[in-house]
Amino acid sequence: MKKLLLALLLLVGAAAGVLYASPFALFTSLQWVERHIAGLSHERIEAADLSIHYYQGGPRDGETILMIHGFGADKDNWLRFARHFTQRYNVIAVDLPGFGDSSKPQASYDVGTQVERIAAFIQALNIKELHLIGNSMGGHIGALYAARYPEQVLSLALLDNAGVSAPQKSELLERLERGEPNPLVVRSPGDFERLLDFVFVEAPLLPGPLKQYLAEMAVTNSARNERIFAQLISRYIPLEPELPKILAPTLLLWGEQDRALHVSSIEVMQPLLKRPTVVIMKDCGHAPMIERPQETAAHYQAFLDSAAAGSE
């Protein structure tokens, strides 16, 4: 028995050593663990002549929550947040075209085009009604979708969303106006550490090899991300004229220390929405669902419960 236990310990130790020595193996293993804890499976579907990858979990006959990530990100951004909803909802976290595992054609990635791709994705999944939640660029896309297809949207949650001109400029905007490099684009491994510092007040803990792997992947994607960001600017669609078209109850949730998109954006959006709810999280940055997933999930669930009660 002691020999068997020792052999198992040696086997586990050897496996851990291999994982730690191989950043890709470590990444895929941790991704698998997080996905299974969340109750999500990796799926793929053809929509708008593109291959769209997504995570899905929870009861298929439950109300659908579609989660849309931000610029330079992917569906993994929602893993620790999504686990709080798969018992009750049909949860879908999508890789937008141009990001993650989805198709990356030489095409347009402005928010208007992405909205129509999301519409094709939703139609391909035969979803008639859904809750939308988006972060940053994903919030911009979600809000524009809710304005264009108001009859489909049960509720809308915008986490530090892009798309409005805030009364107070963000640090990101000030840097870009000075002609400084975009801190959201990782051009060298050192930029990745600076990105984490910029996006989060308290960044998630990452093992060294995993951080190295993520940095290398971000560098690999830098040229495409530069092109996409340029399209977002040149083909910008302001939300101010669109927000009054949104019929669904809308959560505006922001990290108070967001350096990318200033929290004062809420002052613009709240008066334009028919049914707004506002939550500002102190000591939190640009991606609350990553930085403080449990707290963000509690705020979102309270909002969903309130929206459901209001519709009765």
C-alpha atoms as a PDB file:
ATOM      1  CA  MET A   1       0.000   0.000   0.000  1.00  0.00           C
ATOM      2  CA  LYS A   2       2.835   2.368   0.915  1.00  0.00           C
ATOM      3  CA  LYS A   3       4.602   1.551  -2.350  1.00  0.00           C
ATOM      4  CA  LEU A   4       1.408   2.269  -4.333  1.00  0.00           C
ATOM      5  CA  LEU A   5       0.920   5.603  -2.547  1.00  0.00           C
ATOM      6  CA  LEU A   6       4.541   6.544  -3.184  1.00  0.00           C
ATOM      7  CA  ALA A   7       4.175   5.640  -6.869  1.00  0.00           C
ATOM      8  CA  LEU A   8       1.058   7.788  -7.175  1.00  0.00           C
ATOM      9  CA  LEU A   9       2.784  10.715  -5.501  1.00  0.00           C
ATOM     10  CA  LEU A  10       5.753  10.353  -7.839  1.00  0.00           C
ATOM     11  CA  LEU A  11       3.395  10.174 -10.837  1.00  0.00           C
ATOM     12  CA  VAL A  12       1.506  13.299  -9.759  1.00  0.00           C
ATOM     13  CA  GLY A  13       4.776  15.087  -9.092  1.00  0.00           C
ATOM     14  CA  ALA A  14       6.155  14.130 -12.490  1.00  0.00           C
ATOM     15  CA  ALA A  15       2.946  15.273 -14.215  1.00  0.00           C
ATOM     16  CA  ALA A  16       3.084  18.577 -12.366  1.00  0.00           C
ATOM     17  CA  GLY A  17       6.698  19.001 -13.421  1.00  0.00           C
ATOM     18  CA  VAL A  18       5.837  18.378 -17.063  1.00  0.00           C
ATOM     19  CA  LEU A  19       2.953  20.857 -16.904  1.00  0.00           C
ATOM     20  CA  TYR A  20       5.111  23.514 -15.282  1.00  0.00           C
ATOM     21  CA  ALA A  21       7.871  22.998 -17.838  1.00  0.00           C
ATOM     22  CA  SER A  22       5.411  23.245 -20.738  1.00  0.00           C
ATOM     23  CA  PRO A  23       3.478  26.539 -20.678  1.00  0.00           C
ATOM     24  CA  PHE A  24       1.050  25.340 -23.360  1.00  0.00           C
ATOM     25  CA  ALA A  25       0.284  22.142 -21.432  1.00  0.00           C
ATOM     26  CA  LEU A  26      -0.154  24.180 -18.251  1.00  0.00           C
ATOM     27  CA  PHE A  27      -2.498  26.591 -20.029  1.00  0.00           C
ATOM     28  CA  THR A  28      -4.672  23.889 -21.591  1.00  0.00           C
ATOM     29  CA  SER A  29      -4.816  21.946 -18.322  1.00  0.00           C
ATOM     30  CA  LEU A  30      -5.886  24.951 -16.278  1.00  0.00           C
ATOM     31  CA  GLN A  31      -8.353  25.939 -18.985  1.00  0.00           C
ATOM     32  CA  TRP A  32      -9.847  22.424 -18.888  1.00  0.00           C
ATOM     33  CA  VAL A  33     -10.158  22.533 -15.094  1.00  0.00           C
ATOM     34  CA  GLU A  34     -11.786  25.976 -15.077  1.00  0.00           C
ATOM     35  CA  ARG A  35     -14.181  24.976 -17.858  1.00  0.00           C
ATOM     36  CA  HIS A  36     -15.305  21.844 -16.062  1.00  0.00           C
ATOM     37  CA  ILE A  37     -15.704  23.621 -12.737  1.00  0.00           C
ATOM     38  CA  ALA A  38     -17.943  26.085 -14.580  1.00  0.00           C
ATOM     39  CA  GLY A  39     -19.901  23.238 -16.212  1.00  0.00           C
ATOM     40  CA  LEU A  40     -19.075  24.410 -19.736  1.00  0.00           C
ATOM     41  CA  SER A  41     -18.211  22.516 -22.900  1.00  0.00           C
ATOM     42  CA  HIS A  42     -16.326  23.812 -25.943  1.00  0.00           C
ATOM     43  CA  GLU A  43     -18.621  24.035 -28.983  1.00  0.00           C
ATOM     44  CA  ARG A  44     -18.411  25.279 -32.571  1.00  0.00           C
ATOM     45  CA  ILE A  45     -20.975  26.362 -35.147  1.00  0.00           C
ATOM     46  CA  GLU A  46     -20.972  27.885 -38.639  1.00  0.00           C
ATOM     47  CA  ALA A  47     -22.618  31.310 -38.826  1.00  0.00           C
ATOM     48  CA  ALA A  48     -22.224  34.192 -41.291  1.00  0.00           C
ATOM     49  CA  ASP A  49     -19.802  31.959 -43.264  1.00  0.00           C
ATOM     50  CA  LEU A  50     -17.515  31.870 -40.225  1.00  0.00           C
ATOM     51  CA  SER A  51     -16.514  29.222 -37.717  1.00  0.00           C
ATOM     52  CA  ILE A  52     -17.661  30.503 -34.317  1.00  0.00           C
ATOM     53  CA  HIS A  53     -16.315  28.856 -31.158  1.00  0.00           C
ATOM     54  CA  TYR A  54     -18.049  29.182 -27.824  1.00  0.00           C
ATOM     55  CA  TYR A  55     -18.508  27.659 -24.391  1.00  0.00           C
ATOM     56  CA  GLN A  56     -21.945  26.416 -23.411  1.00  0.00           C
ATOM     57  CA  GLY A  57     -23.306  24.973 -20.193  1.00  0.00           C
ATOM     58  CA  GLY A  58     -26.375  24.722 -18.030  1.00  0.00           C
ATOM     59  CA  PRO A  59     -29.916  23.590 -18.865  1.00  0.00           C
ATOM     60  CA  ARG A  60     -30.574  24.056 -22.590  1.00  0.00           C
ATOM     61  CA  ASP A  61     -34.231  24.798 -21.837  1.00  0.00           C
ATOM     62  CA  GLY A  62     -33.310  27.539 -19.357  1.00  0.00           C
ATOM     63  CA  GLU A  63     -33.133  31.233 -20.180  1.00  0.00           C
ATOM     64  CA  THR A  64     -30.012  32.019 -22.204  1.00  0.00           C
ATOM     65  CA  ILE A  65     -27.226  34.322 -21.064  1.00  0.00           C
ATOM     66  CA  LEU A  66     -24.835  35.324 -23.856  1.00  0.00           C
ATOM     67  CA  MET A  67     -21.478  36.686 -22.656  1.00  0.00           C
ATOM     68  CA  ILE A  68     -19.438  38.885 -25.023  1.00  0.00           C
ATOM     69  CA  HIS A  69     -15.783  39.587 -24.294  1.00  0.00           C
ATOM     70  CA  GLY A  70     -13.823  42.768 -24.900  1.00  0.00           C
ATOM     71  CA  PHE A  71     -10.988  43.860 -27.192  1.00  0.00           C
ATOM     72  CA  GLY A  72      -7.968  41.558 -27.310  1.00  0.00           C
ATOM     73  CA  ALA A  73      -9.764  38.985 -25.151  1.00  0.00           C
ATOM     74  CA  ASP A  74     -11.739  35.763 -25.650  1.00  0.00           C
ATOM     75  CA  LYS A  75     -14.350  33.496 -24.099  1.00  0.00           C
ATOM     76  CA  ASP A  76     -11.971  32.443 -21.296  1.00  0.00           C
ATOM     77  CA  ASN A  77     -12.531  35.858 -19.669  1.00  0.00           C
ATOM     78  CA  TRP A  78     -15.916  34.589 -18.432  1.00  0.00           C
ATOM     79  CA  LEU A  79     -14.910  31.203 -16.975  1.00  0.00           C
ATOM     80  CA  ARG A  80     -14.832  32.063 -13.267  1.00  0.00           C
ATOM     81  CA  PHE A  81     -17.848  34.334 -13.605  1.00  0.00           C
ATOM     82  CA  ALA A  82     -19.928  31.846 -15.626  1.00  0.00           C
ATOM     83  CA  ARG A  83     -19.702  29.083 -13.014  1.00  0.00           C
ATOM     84  CA  HIS A  84     -22.197  31.000 -10.866  1.00  0.00           C
ATOM     85  CA  PHE A  85     -24.946  30.734 -13.513  1.00  0.00           C
ATOM     86  CA  THR A  86     -24.766  27.318 -15.175  1.00  0.00           C
ATOM     87  CA  GLN A  87     -27.014  25.670 -12.582  1.00  0.00           C
ATOM     88  CA  ARG A  88     -29.929  27.854 -13.602  1.00  0.00           C
ATOM     89  CA  TYR A  89     -29.269  29.364 -17.039  1.00  0.00           C
ATOM     90  CA  ASN A  90     -28.195  28.229 -20.492  1.00  0.00           C
ATOM     91  CA  VAL A  91     -24.845  30.032 -20.482  1.00  0.00           C
ATOM     92  CA  ILE A  92     -22.955  30.825 -23.687  1.00  0.00           C
ATOM     93  CA  ALA A  93     -19.595  32.612 -23.824  1.00  0.00           C
ATOM     94  CA  VAL A  94     -18.626  33.347 -27.407  1.00  0.00           C
ATOM     95  CA  ASP A  95     -15.327  34.016 -29.152  1.00  0.00           C
ATOM     96  CA  LEU A  96     -16.059  36.981 -31.384  1.00  0.00           C
ATOM     97  CA  PRO A  97     -14.759  36.606 -34.949  1.00  0.00           C
ATOM     98  CA  GLY A  98     -11.170  37.858 -34.974  1.00  0.00           C
ATOM     99  CA  PHE A  99     -10.497  36.585 -31.450  1.00  0.00           C
ATOM    100  CA  GLY A 100      -9.907  33.328 -29.592  1.00  0.00           C
ATOM    101  CA  ASP A 101     -10.608  30.196 -31.618  1.00  0.00           C
ATOM    102  CA  SER A 102     -13.135  31.760 -34.017  1.00  0.00           C
ATOM    103  CA  SER A 103     -12.400  32.598 -37.665  1.00  0.00           C
ATOM    104  CA  LYS A 104     -10.105  35.535 -38.336  1.00  0.00           C
ATOM    105  CA  PRO A 105     -10.703  36.553 -41.959  1.00  0.00           C
ATOM    106  CA  GLN A 106      -9.269  39.672 -43.538  1.00  0.00           C
ATOM    107  CA  ALA A 107     -12.489  41.574 -42.964  1.00  0.00           C
ATOM    108  CA  SER A 108     -14.066  44.350 -40.941  1.00  0.00           C
ATOM    109  CA  TYR A 109     -14.283  44.097 -37.148  1.00  0.00           C
ATOM    110  CA  ASP A 110     -16.098  47.315 -36.329  1.00  0.00           C
ATOM    111  CA  VAL A 111     -18.870  46.971 -33.757  1.00  0.00           C
ATOM    112  CA  GLY A 112     -21.676  47.304 -36.315  1.00  0.00           C
ATOM    113  CA  THR A 113     -20.351  44.373 -38.341  1.00  0.00           C
ATOM    114  CA  GLN A 114     -19.781  42.304 -35.202  1.00  0.00           C
ATOM    115  CA  VAL A 115     -23.373  42.929 -34.100  1.00  0.00           C
ATOM    116  CA  GLU A 116     -24.660  41.358 -37.297  1.00  0.00           C
ATOM    117  CA  ARG A 117     -22.293  38.406 -36.864  1.00  0.00           C
ATOM    118  CA  ILE A 118     -23.654  37.921 -33.356  1.00  0.00           C
ATOM    119  CA  ALA A 119     -27.181  38.098 -34.802  1.00  0.00           C
ATOM    120  CA  ALA A 120     -26.278  35.319 -37.256  1.00  0.00           C
ATOM    121  CA  PHE A 121     -24.736  33.289 -34.414  1.00  0.00           C
ATOM    122  CA  ILE A 122     -27.873  33.653 -32.277  1.00  0.00           C
ATOM    123  CA  GLN A 123     -30.066  32.686 -35.226  1.00  0.00           C
ATOM    124  CA  ALA A 124     -27.893  29.630 -35.967  1.00  0.00           C
ATOM    125  CA  LEU A 125     -28.398  28.493 -32.353  1.00  0.00           C
ATOM    126  CA  ASN A 126     -32.162  29.072 -32.731  1.00  0.00           C
ATOM    127  CA  ILE A 127     -32.292  31.370 -29.699  1.00  0.00           C
ATOM    128  CA  LYS A 128     -35.415  33.552 -29.646  1.00  0.00           C
ATOM    129  CA  GLU A 129     -34.804  35.564 -26.453  1.00  0.00           C
ATOM    130  CA  LEU A 130     -31.744  36.065 -24.298  1.00  0.00           C
ATOM    131  CA  HIS A 131     -29.938  38.020 -21.618  1.00  0.00           C
ATOM    132  CA  LEU A 132     -26.884  39.863 -22.944  1.00  0.00           C
ATOM    133  CA  ILE A 133     -23.803  40.758 -20.924  1.00  0.00           C
ATOM    134  CA  GLY A 134     -20.691  42.365 -22.387  1.00  0.00           C
ATOM    135  CA  ASN A 135     -17.441  43.870 -21.183  1.00  0.00           C
ATOM    136  CA  SER A 136     -15.634  46.823 -22.803  1.00  0.00           C
ATOM    137  CA  MET A 137     -15.917  46.411 -26.600  1.00  0.00           C
ATOM    138  CA  GLY A 138     -18.270  43.496 -25.912  1.00  0.00           C
ATOM    139  CA  GLY A 139     -20.540  45.862 -24.005  1.00  0.00           C
ATOM    140  CA  HIS A 140     -20.531  48.253 -26.961  1.00  0.00           C
ATOM    141  CA  ILE A 141     -21.567  45.365 -29.214  1.00  0.00           C
ATOM    142  CA  GLY A 142     -24.191  44.147 -26.737  1.00  0.00           C
ATOM    143  CA  ALA A 143     -25.749  47.585 -26.346  1.00  0.00           C
ATOM    144  CA  LEU A 144     -25.919  48.110 -30.103  1.00  0.00           C
ATOM    145  CA  TYR A 145     -27.488  44.653 -30.490  1.00  0.00           C
ATOM    146  CA  ALA A 146     -30.114  45.487 -27.851  1.00  0.00           C
ATOM    147  CA  ALA A 147     -30.913  48.701 -29.730  1.00  0.00           C
ATOM    148  CA  ARG A 148     -31.213  46.951 -33.105  1.00  0.00           C
ATOM    149  CA  TYR A 149     -33.057  43.849 -31.856  1.00  0.00           C
ATOM    150  CA  PRO A 150     -34.949  45.085 -28.783  1.00  0.00           C
ATOM    151  CA  GLU A 151     -37.641  42.387 -28.998  1.00  0.00           C
ATOM    152  CA  GLN A 152     -35.049  39.627 -28.454  1.00  0.00           C
ATOM    153  CA  VAL A 153     -33.290  41.029 -25.387  1.00  0.00           C
ATOM    154  CA  LEU A 154     -34.660  40.140 -21.949  1.00  0.00           C
ATOM    155  CA  SER A 155     -31.987  42.127 -20.129  1.00  0.00           C
ATOM    156  CA  LEU A 156     -28.702  43.862 -20.865  1.00  0.00           C
ATOM    157  CA  ALA A 157     -25.653  44.130 -18.615  1.00  0.00           C
ATOM    158  CA  LEU A 158     -22.820  46.467 -19.574  1.00  0.00           C
ATOM    159  CA  LEU A 159     -19.540  46.021 -17.703  1.00  0.00           C
ATOM    160  CA  ASP A 160     -17.204  48.997 -18.279  1.00  0.00           C
ATOM    161  CA  ASN A 161     -18.509  49.287 -21.836  1.00  0.00           C
ATOM    162  CA  ALA A 162     -17.087  51.294 -24.695  1.00  0.00           C
ATOM    163  CA  GLY A 163     -19.165  53.458 -27.010  1.00  0.00           C
ATOM    164  CA  VAL A 164     -19.870  56.711 -25.141  1.00  0.00           C
ATOM    165  CA  SER A 165     -18.003  59.980 -24.711  1.00  0.00           C
ATOM    166  CA  ALA A 166     -17.382  60.250 -20.987  1.00  0.00           C
ATOM    167  CA  PRO A 167     -17.387  63.679 -19.268  1.00  0.00           C
ATOM    168  CA  GLN A 168     -13.931  62.844 -17.906  1.00  0.00           C
ATOM    169  CA  LYS A 169     -11.316  61.405 -20.238  1.00  0.00           C
ATOM    170  CA  SER A 170      -9.838  58.038 -19.354  1.00  0.00           C
ATOM    171  CA  GLU A 171      -6.116  57.475 -19.049  1.00  0.00           C
ATOM    172  CA  LEU A 172      -6.277  55.343 -22.212  1.00  0.00           C
ATOM    173  CA  LEU A 173      -7.806  58.176 -24.224  1.00  0.00           C
ATOM    174  CA  GLU A 174      -5.312  60.701 -22.881  1.00  0.00           C
ATOM    175  CA  ARG A 175      -2.406  58.436 -23.814  1.00  0.00           C
ATOM    176  CA  LEU A 176      -3.725  57.878 -27.330  1.00  0.00           C
ATOM    177  CA  GLU A 177      -4.285  61.601 -27.832  1.00  0.00           C
ATOM    178  CA  ARG A 178      -0.646  62.202 -26.847  1.00  0.00           C
ATOM    179  CA  GLY A 179       0.423  59.715 -29.506  1.00  0.00           C
ATOM    180  CA  GLU A 180       1.647  57.121 -27.004  1.00  0.00           C
ATOM    181  CA  PRO A 181       1.477  53.373 -27.757  1.00  0.00           C
ATOM    182  CA  ASN A 182      -1.841  51.711 -27.039  1.00  0.00           C
ATOM    183  CA  PRO A 183      -1.427  49.949 -23.654  1.00  0.00           C
ATOM    184  CA  LEU A 184      -4.096  47.398 -24.660  1.00  0.00           C
ATOM    185  CA  VAL A 185      -1.870  46.003 -27.443  1.00  0.00           C
ATOM    186  CA  VAL A 186       0.997  43.749 -26.338  1.00  0.00           C
ATOM    187  CA  ARG A 187       3.982  44.191 -28.665  1.00  0.00           C
ATOM    188  CA  SER A 188       6.635  42.633 -26.430  1.00  0.00           C
ATOM    189  CA  PRO A 189       6.563  40.231 -23.455  1.00  0.00           C
ATOM    190  CA  GLY A 190       7.196  43.140 -21.097  1.00  0.00           C
ATOM    191  CA  ASP A 191       4.051  44.862 -22.378  1.00  0.00           C
ATOM    192  CA  PHE A 192       1.948  42.019 -20.969  1.00  0.00           C
ATOM    193  CA  GLU A 193       2.894  42.816 -17.383  1.00  0.00           C
ATOM    194  CA  ARG A 194       2.127  46.481 -18.056  1.00  0.00           C
ATOM    195  CA  LEU A 195      -1.240  45.460 -19.560  1.00  0.00           C
ATOM    196  CA  LEU A 196      -2.155  43.581 -16.382  1.00  0.00           C
ATOM    197  CA  ASP A 197      -1.208  46.589 -14.267  1.00  0.00           C
ATOM    198  CA  PHE A 198      -3.279  48.842 -16.526  1.00  0.00           C
ATOM    199  CA  VAL A 199      -6.431  46.701 -16.633  1.00  0.00           C
ATOM    200  CA  PHE A 200      -6.586  45.531 -13.015  1.00  0.00           C
ATOM    201  CA  VAL A 201      -6.276  47.083  -9.589  1.00  0.00           C
ATOM    202  CA  GLU A 202      -5.311  43.627  -8.328  1.00  0.00           C
ATOM    203  CA  ALA A 203      -4.379  41.303 -11.179  1.00  0.00           C
ATOM    204  CA  PRO A 204      -5.201  37.577 -10.959  1.00  0.00           C
ATOM    205  CA  LEU A 205      -2.310  35.429  -9.778  1.00  0.00           C
ATOM    206  CA  LEU A 206      -0.648  33.633 -12.691  1.00  0.00           C
ATOM    207  CA  PRO A 207       2.190  31.071 -12.526  1.00  0.00           C
ATOM    208  CA  GLY A 208       5.320  32.351 -14.234  1.00  0.00           C
ATOM    209  CA  PRO A 209       5.247  29.893 -17.177  1.00  0.00           C
ATOM    210  CA  LEU A 210       1.555  30.606 -17.781  1.00  0.00           C
ATOM    211  CA  LYS A 211       2.144  34.349 -17.755  1.00  0.00           C
ATOM    212  CA  GLN A 212       4.993  33.835 -20.223  1.00  0.00           C
ATOM    213  CA  TYR A 213       2.768  31.781 -22.528  1.00  0.00           C
ATOM    214  CA  LEU A 214      -0.060  34.340 -22.434  1.00  0.00           C
ATOM    215  CA  ALA A 215       2.426  37.122 -23.133  1.00  0.00           C
ATOM    216  CA  GLU A 216       3.804  35.270 -26.155  1.00  0.00           C
ATOM    217  CA  MET A 217       0.310  34.640 -27.504  1.00  0.00           C
ATOM    218  CA  ALA A 218      -0.588  38.310 -27.060  1.00  0.00           C
ATOM    219  CA  VAL A 219       2.551  39.342 -28.959  1.00  0.00           C
ATOM    220  CA  THR A 220       1.619  36.939 -31.774  1.00  0.00           C
ATOM    221  CA  ASN A 221      -1.805  38.616 -32.042  1.00  0.00           C
ATOM    222  CA  SER A 222      -0.508  42.194 -31.780  1.00  0.00           C
ATOM    223  CA  ALA A 223      -0.576  43.120 -35.486  1.00  0.00           C
ATOM    224  CA  ARG A 224      -4.155  41.897 -35.920  1.00  0.00           C
ATOM    225  CA  ASN A 225      -5.241  43.633 -32.720  1.00  0.00           C
ATOM    226  CA  GLU A 226      -3.681  46.877 -33.954  1.00  0.00           C
ATOM    227  CA  ARG A 227      -5.736  46.624 -37.160  1.00  0.00           C
ATOM    228  CA  ILE A 228      -8.922  45.815 -35.269  1.00  0.00           C
ATOM    229  CA  PHE A 229      -8.443  48.714 -32.861  1.00  0.00           C
ATOM    230  CA  ALA A 230      -7.868  51.068 -35.805  1.00  0.00           C
ATOM    231  CA  GLN A 231     -11.167  49.898 -37.318  1.00  0.00           C
ATOM    232  CA  LEU A 232     -12.975  50.431 -34.027  1.00  0.00           C
ATOM    233  CA  ILE A 233     -11.780  54.043 -34.084  1.00  0.00           C
ATOM    234  CA  SER A 234     -12.261  54.782 -37.792  1.00  0.00           C
ATOM    235  CA  ARG A 235     -15.711  53.131 -37.966  1.00  0.00           C
ATOM    236  CA  TYR A 236     -16.852  54.170 -34.520  1.00  0.00           C
ATOM    237  CA  ILE A 237     -20.580  53.994 -33.773  1.00  0.00           C
ATOM    238  CA  PRO A 238     -21.580  56.194 -30.809  1.00  0.00           C
ATOM    239  CA  LEU A 239     -24.094  54.702 -28.414  1.00  0.00           C
ATOM    240  CA  GLU A 240     -25.710  57.954 -27.320  1.00  0.00           C
ATOM    241  CA  PRO A 241     -28.325  57.912 -30.151  1.00  0.00           C
ATOM    242  CA  GLU A 242     -28.858  54.144 -29.690  1.00  0.00           C
ATOM    243  CA  LEU A 243     -29.417  53.848 -25.933  1.00  0.00           C
ATOM    244  CA  PRO A 244     -32.988  55.271 -25.965  1.00  0.00           C
ATOM    245  CA  LYS A 245     -33.955  52.429 -28.346  1.00  0.00           C
ATOM    246  CA  ILE A 246     -33.120  49.787 -25.725  1.00  0.00           C
ATOM    247  CA  LEU A 247     -36.283  48.472 -24.059  1.00  0.00           C
ATOM    248  CA  ALA A 248     -34.736  45.921 -21.706  1.00  0.00           C
ATOM    249  CA  PRO A 249     -33.698  46.590 -18.109  1.00  0.00           C
ATOM    250  CA  THR A 250     -30.013  47.502 -18.243  1.00  0.00           C
ATOM    251  CA  LEU A 251     -27.271  47.082 -15.665  1.00  0.00           C
ATOM    252  CA  LEU A 252     -24.394  49.569 -15.790  1.00  0.00           C
ATOM    253  CA  LEU A 253     -21.605  48.015 -13.743  1.00  0.00           C
ATOM    254  CA  TRP A 254     -18.211  49.700 -13.567  1.00  0.00           C
ATOM    255  CA  GLY A 255     -14.897  49.346 -11.791  1.00  0.00           C
ATOM    256  CA  GLU A 256     -14.318  52.699 -10.117  1.00  0.00           C
ATOM    257  CA  GLN A 257     -10.574  52.620 -10.919  1.00  0.00           C
ATOM    258  CA  ASP A 258     -11.008  51.730 -14.588  1.00  0.00           C
ATOM    259  CA  ARG A 259      -8.122  53.379 -16.469  1.00  0.00           C
ATOM    260  CA  ALA A 260      -9.300  52.313 -19.940  1.00  0.00           C
ATOM    261  CA  LEU A 261     -12.892  53.655 -19.890  1.00  0.00           C
ATOM    262  CA  HIS A 262     -13.777  56.248 -17.277  1.00  0.00           C
ATOM    263  CA  VAL A 263     -16.538  55.539 -14.781  1.00  0.00           C
ATOM    264  CA  SER A 264     -18.123  58.925 -15.586  1.00  0.00           C
ATOM    265  CA  SER A 265     -19.489  57.231 -18.737  1.00  0.00           C
ATOM    266  CA  ILE A 266     -22.386  56.198 -16.511  1.00  0.00           C
ATOM    267  CA  GLU A 267     -23.436  59.847 -16.214  1.00  0.00           C
ATOM    268  CA  VAL A 268     -24.026  59.882 -19.975  1.00  0.00           C
ATOM    269  CA  MET A 269     -25.782  56.531 -20.270  1.00  0.00           C
ATOM    270  CA  GLN A 270     -28.076  56.453 -17.263  1.00  0.00           C
ATOM    271  CA  PRO A 271     -30.398  59.315 -18.382  1.00  0.00           C
ATOM    272  CA  LEU A 272     -30.670  57.819 -21.899  1.00  0.00           C
ATOM    273  CA  LEU A 273     -31.801  54.370 -20.782  1.00  0.00           C
ATOM    274  CA  LYS A 274     -35.408  53.492 -19.994  1.00  0.00           C
ATOM    275  CA  ARG A 275     -34.700  51.029 -17.158  1.00  0.00           C
ATOM    276  CA  PRO A 276     -31.165  51.498 -15.783  1.00  0.00           C
ATOM    277  CA  THR A 277     -29.551  50.007 -12.690  1.00  0.00           C
ATOM    278  CA  VAL A 278     -26.122  51.263 -11.606  1.00  0.00           C
ATOM    279  CA  VAL A 279     -23.404  49.446  -9.650  1.00  0.00           C
ATOM    280  CA  ILE A 280     -19.933  50.930  -9.102  1.00  0.00           C
ATOM    281  CA  MET A 281     -17.342  48.575  -7.623  1.00  0.00           C
ATOM    282  CA  LYS A 282     -14.658  50.261  -5.535  1.00  0.00           C
ATOM    283  CA  ASP A 283     -10.998  49.291  -5.874  1.00  0.00           C
ATOM    284  CA  CYS A 284     -11.742  47.495  -9.138  1.00  0.00           C
ATOM    285  CA  GLY A 285     -10.483  47.998 -12.677  1.00  0.00           C
ATOM    286  CA  HIS A 286     -11.631  47.442 -16.230  1.00  0.00           C
ATOM    287  CA  ALA A 287     -12.715  43.780 -16.061  1.00  0.00           C
ATOM    288  CA  PRO A 288     -14.725  43.145 -12.867  1.00  0.00           C
ATOM    289  CA  MET A 289     -15.798  39.647 -13.922  1.00  0.00           C
ATOM    290  CA  ILE A 290     -12.119  38.606 -13.916  1.00  0.00           C
ATOM    291  CA  GLU A 291     -10.817  40.684 -11.033  1.00  0.00           C
ATOM    292  CA  ARG A 292     -13.698  39.946  -8.654  1.00  0.00           C
ATOM    293  CA  PRO A 293     -15.846  37.242 -10.328  1.00  0.00           C
ATOM    294  CA  GLN A 294     -17.883  36.188  -7.291  1.00  0.00           C
ATOM    295  CA  GLU A 295     -18.843  39.731  -6.295  1.00  0.00           C
ATOM    296  CA  THR A 296     -19.616  40.687  -9.888  1.00  0.00           C
ATOM    297  CA  ALA A 297     -21.754  37.552 -10.266  1.00  0.00           C
ATOM    298  CA  ALA A 298     -23.694  38.451  -7.104  1.00  0.00           C
ATOM    299  CA  HIS A 299     -24.452  41.921  -8.493  1.00  0.00           C
ATOM    300  CA  TYR A 300     -25.503  40.415 -11.820  1.00  0.00           C
ATOM    301  CA  GLN A 301     -27.746  37.774 -10.236  1.00  0.00           C
ATOM    302  CA  ALA A 302     -29.454  40.444  -8.113  1.00  0.00           C
ATOM    303  CA  PHE A 303     -30.055  42.422 -11.300  1.00  0.00           C
ATOM    304  CA  LEU A 304     -31.465  39.380 -13.131  1.00  0.00           C
ATOM    305  CA  ASP A 305     -33.773  38.617 -10.206  1.00  0.00           C
ATOM    306  CA  SER A 306     -34.963  42.220 -10.119  1.00  0.00           C
ATOM    307  CA  ALA A 307     -35.543  42.251 -13.875  1.00  0.00           C
ATOM    308  CA  ALA A 308     -37.552  39.016 -13.647  1.00  0.00           C
ATOM    309  CA  ALA A 309     -39.670  40.397 -10.802  1.00  0.00           C
ATOM    310  CA  GLY A 310     -40.314  43.567 -12.777  1.00  0.00           C
ATOM    311  CA  SER A 311     -41.583  41.642 -15.789  1.00  0.00           C
ATOM    312  CA  GLU A 312     -44.204  39.731 -13.798  1.00  0.00           C
END
